[in-house]
Amino acid sequence: MKKKCLICKKTFQAKTNRSLYCSEECRKKGIREKQRKLMKQKRADKKKEKIKVLNTNADVTEKPKKIRNLVQHYKKLKREILDNESEFGFTGIALVEGIDIHEENFVDLVMQKIKEQQ
């Protein structure tokens, strides 16, 4: 039975009906080529899987950023710290943006400092 080699394209006399290569050298080249294609496919599959895994942690819903009222925030912060100090009878040093929280116009000074930084 005459067949055509898959590697070198020469015709050869096949000993069995399943023979694909004309020589041992072509058989080794064929196996190597087949293995190379298989490994390339495996790497591509792994890459796709890795991309899927990375995307599972992505936040799908786009949440709008919370718009904060900074004046209200700093007033609340001052009130909480002063209440805490009066509860435990301890006056500590609390600085926000380098300004002591015990100052009368603390909120105004902090807002002024923030505007200067922008």
C-alpha atoms as a PDB file:
ATOM      1  CA  MET A   1       0.000   0.000   0.000  1.00  0.00           C
ATOM      2  CA  LYS A   2       1.460   3.346  -1.083  1.00  0.00           C
ATOM      3  CA  LYS A   3       0.983   6.365   1.160  1.00  0.00           C
ATOM      4  CA  LYS A   4       2.203   9.955   1.361  1.00  0.00           C
ATOM      5  CA  CYS A   5       4.312  10.988   4.382  1.00  0.00           C
ATOM      6  CA  LEU A   6       2.705  13.774   6.445  1.00  0.00           C
ATOM      7  CA  ILE A   7       6.051  15.495   7.098  1.00  0.00           C
ATOM      8  CA  CYS A   8       8.192  15.284   3.955  1.00  0.00           C
ATOM      9  CA  LYS A   9       5.331  14.565   1.475  1.00  0.00           C
ATOM     10  CA  LYS A  10       7.235  11.654  -0.145  1.00  0.00           C
ATOM     11  CA  THR A  11       5.379   8.522  -1.169  1.00  0.00           C
ATOM     12  CA  PHE A  12       6.366   5.328   0.648  1.00  0.00           C
ATOM     13  CA  GLN A  13       5.359   1.708   0.888  1.00  0.00           C
ATOM     14  CA  ALA A  14       3.328   1.359   4.101  1.00  0.00           C
ATOM     15  CA  LYS A  15       3.757  -1.807   6.158  1.00  0.00           C
ATOM     16  CA  THR A  16       0.435  -1.294   7.930  1.00  0.00           C
ATOM     17  CA  ASN A  17      -2.652   0.587   7.034  1.00  0.00           C
ATOM     18  CA  ARG A  18      -2.121   3.005  10.022  1.00  0.00           C
ATOM     19  CA  SER A  19       1.361   4.182   8.956  1.00  0.00           C
ATOM     20  CA  LEU A  20       1.632   7.945   8.536  1.00  0.00           C
ATOM     21  CA  TYR A  21       5.385   8.552   8.234  1.00  0.00           C
ATOM     22  CA  CYS A  22       8.009   7.243   5.830  1.00  0.00           C
ATOM     23  CA  SER A  23      10.854   6.966   8.361  1.00  0.00           C
ATOM     24  CA  GLU A  24      11.711   7.078  12.055  1.00  0.00           C
ATOM     25  CA  GLU A  25      13.038  10.623  11.605  1.00  0.00           C
ATOM     26  CA  CYS A  26       9.737  11.864  10.122  1.00  0.00           C
ATOM     27  CA  ARG A  27       7.832  10.056  12.888  1.00  0.00           C
ATOM     28  CA  LYS A  28       9.842  11.925  15.557  1.00  0.00           C
ATOM     29  CA  LYS A  29       9.265  15.241  13.765  1.00  0.00           C
ATOM     30  CA  GLY A  30       5.546  14.478  13.548  1.00  0.00           C
ATOM     31  CA  ILE A  31       5.300  13.634  17.238  1.00  0.00           C
ATOM     32  CA  ARG A  32       7.209  16.782  18.148  1.00  0.00           C
ATOM     33  CA  GLU A  33       4.960  18.937  15.943  1.00  0.00           C
ATOM     34  CA  LYS A  34       1.821  17.331  17.363  1.00  0.00           C
ATOM     35  CA  GLN A  35       3.066  17.865  20.928  1.00  0.00           C
ATOM     36  CA  ARG A  36       3.924  21.497  20.143  1.00  0.00           C
ATOM     37  CA  LYS A  37       0.388  22.145  18.848  1.00  0.00           C
ATOM     38  CA  LEU A  38      -1.115  20.429  21.888  1.00  0.00           C
ATOM     39  CA  MET A  39       0.951  22.502  24.330  1.00  0.00           C
ATOM     40  CA  LYS A  40       0.157  25.709  22.431  1.00  0.00           C
ATOM     41  CA  GLN A  41      -3.550  24.919  22.741  1.00  0.00           C
ATOM     42  CA  LYS A  42      -3.165  24.158  26.462  1.00  0.00           C
ATOM     43  CA  ARG A  43      -1.392  27.482  27.046  1.00  0.00           C
ATOM     44  CA  ALA A  44      -4.131  29.342  25.166  1.00  0.00           C
ATOM     45  CA  ASP A  45      -6.814  27.588  27.252  1.00  0.00           C
ATOM     46  CA  LYS A  46      -4.948  28.394  30.466  1.00  0.00           C
ATOM     47  CA  LYS A  47      -4.659  32.037  29.439  1.00  0.00           C
ATOM     48  CA  LYS A  48      -8.410  32.246  28.754  1.00  0.00           C
ATOM     49  CA  GLU A  49      -9.146  30.597  32.102  1.00  0.00           C
ATOM     50  CA  LYS A  50      -6.791  32.990  33.891  1.00  0.00           C
ATOM     51  CA  ILE A  51      -8.536  35.978  32.319  1.00  0.00           C
ATOM     52  CA  LYS A  52     -11.905  34.594  33.452  1.00  0.00           C
ATOM     53  CA  VAL A  53     -10.609  34.153  37.000  1.00  0.00           C
ATOM     54  CA  LEU A  54      -9.241  37.697  37.100  1.00  0.00           C
ATOM     55  CA  ASN A  55     -12.541  39.159  35.921  1.00  0.00           C
ATOM     56  CA  THR A  56     -14.611  37.412  38.596  1.00  0.00           C
ATOM     57  CA  ASN A  57     -13.393  39.869  41.226  1.00  0.00           C
ATOM     58  CA  ALA A  58     -14.186  42.894  39.099  1.00  0.00           C
ATOM     59  CA  ASP A  59     -17.058  44.977  40.393  1.00  0.00           C
ATOM     60  CA  VAL A  60     -19.755  44.718  37.757  1.00  0.00           C
ATOM     61  CA  THR A  61     -21.996  47.418  39.150  1.00  0.00           C
ATOM     62  CA  GLU A  62     -20.705  50.931  38.807  1.00  0.00           C
ATOM     63  CA  LYS A  63     -21.564  52.710  42.036  1.00  0.00           C
ATOM     64  CA  PRO A  64     -21.571  56.494  42.028  1.00  0.00           C
ATOM     65  CA  LYS A  65     -19.064  58.077  44.357  1.00  0.00           C
ATOM     66  CA  LYS A  66     -20.541  59.263  47.593  1.00  0.00           C
ATOM     67  CA  ILE A  67     -20.716  63.037  47.705  1.00  0.00           C
ATOM     68  CA  ARG A  68     -19.772  64.036  51.211  1.00  0.00           C
ATOM     69  CA  ASN A  69     -20.527  67.240  52.969  1.00  0.00           C
ATOM     70  CA  LEU A  70     -17.096  67.898  54.463  1.00  0.00           C
ATOM     71  CA  VAL A  71     -18.285  70.600  56.856  1.00  0.00           C
ATOM     72  CA  GLN A  72     -20.854  68.233  58.319  1.00  0.00           C
ATOM     73  CA  HIS A  73     -18.267  65.440  58.454  1.00  0.00           C
ATOM     74  CA  TYR A  74     -15.727  67.500  60.428  1.00  0.00           C
ATOM     75  CA  LYS A  75     -18.420  68.850  62.796  1.00  0.00           C
ATOM     76  CA  LYS A  76     -19.494  65.280  63.537  1.00  0.00           C
ATOM     77  CA  LEU A  77     -15.860  64.183  64.001  1.00  0.00           C
ATOM     78  CA  LYS A  78     -15.236  67.021  66.474  1.00  0.00           C
ATOM     79  CA  ARG A  79     -18.425  66.227  68.389  1.00  0.00           C
ATOM     80  CA  GLU A  80     -17.565  62.500  68.599  1.00  0.00           C
ATOM     81  CA  ILE A  81     -14.030  63.135  69.856  1.00  0.00           C
ATOM     82  CA  LEU A  82     -15.145  65.732  72.422  1.00  0.00           C
ATOM     83  CA  ASP A  83     -17.969  63.444  73.652  1.00  0.00           C
ATOM     84  CA  ASN A  84     -15.507  60.583  73.980  1.00  0.00           C
ATOM     85  CA  GLU A  85     -13.067  62.765  75.932  1.00  0.00           C
ATOM     86  CA  SER A  86     -15.778  63.975  78.312  1.00  0.00           C
ATOM     87  CA  GLU A  87     -16.997  60.396  78.844  1.00  0.00           C
ATOM     88  CA  PHE A  88     -13.562  59.164  79.933  1.00  0.00           C
ATOM     89  CA  GLY A  89     -12.406  62.412  81.556  1.00  0.00           C
ATOM     90  CA  PHE A  90      -9.300  62.574  79.399  1.00  0.00           C
ATOM     91  CA  THR A  91      -8.265  65.429  77.114  1.00  0.00           C
ATOM     92  CA  GLY A  92      -6.045  64.179  74.334  1.00  0.00           C
ATOM     93  CA  ILE A  93      -4.341  65.772  71.376  1.00  0.00           C
ATOM     94  CA  ALA A  94      -6.303  65.197  68.191  1.00  0.00           C
ATOM     95  CA  LEU A  95      -4.949  66.788  65.030  1.00  0.00           C
ATOM     96  CA  VAL A  96      -6.692  66.888  61.668  1.00  0.00           C
ATOM     97  CA  GLU A  97      -4.697  68.406  58.808  1.00  0.00           C
ATOM     98  CA  GLY A  98      -2.335  69.741  61.490  1.00  0.00           C
ATOM     99  CA  ILE A  99      -5.137  71.611  63.299  1.00  0.00           C
ATOM    100  CA  ASP A 100      -6.088  70.801  66.891  1.00  0.00           C
ATOM    101  CA  ILE A 101      -9.671  69.629  67.275  1.00  0.00           C
ATOM    102  CA  HIS A 102     -10.159  71.721  70.447  1.00  0.00           C
ATOM    103  CA  GLU A 103      -9.943  75.050  68.601  1.00  0.00           C
ATOM    104  CA  GLU A 104     -13.138  77.124  68.404  1.00  0.00           C
ATOM    105  CA  ASN A 105     -13.101  77.517  64.600  1.00  0.00           C
ATOM    106  CA  PHE A 106     -11.729  74.011  63.891  1.00  0.00           C
ATOM    107  CA  VAL A 107     -14.092  73.262  60.984  1.00  0.00           C
ATOM    108  CA  ASP A 108     -13.372  76.586  59.236  1.00  0.00           C
ATOM    109  CA  LEU A 109      -9.609  76.123  59.584  1.00  0.00           C
ATOM    110  CA  VAL A 110      -9.757  72.562  58.206  1.00  0.00           C
ATOM    111  CA  MET A 111     -11.871  73.639  55.224  1.00  0.00           C
ATOM    112  CA  GLN A 112      -9.454  76.501  54.551  1.00  0.00           C
ATOM    113  CA  LYS A 113      -6.505  74.074  54.680  1.00  0.00           C
ATOM    114  CA  ILE A 114      -8.241  71.672  52.249  1.00  0.00           C
ATOM    115  CA  LYS A 115      -8.926  74.503  49.781  1.00  0.00           C
ATOM    116  CA  GLU A 116      -5.268  75.565  49.942  1.00  0.00           C
ATOM    117  CA  GLN A 117      -4.139  72.022  49.088  1.00  0.00           C
ATOM    118  CA  GLN A 118      -6.350  71.866  46.020  1.00  0.00           C
END
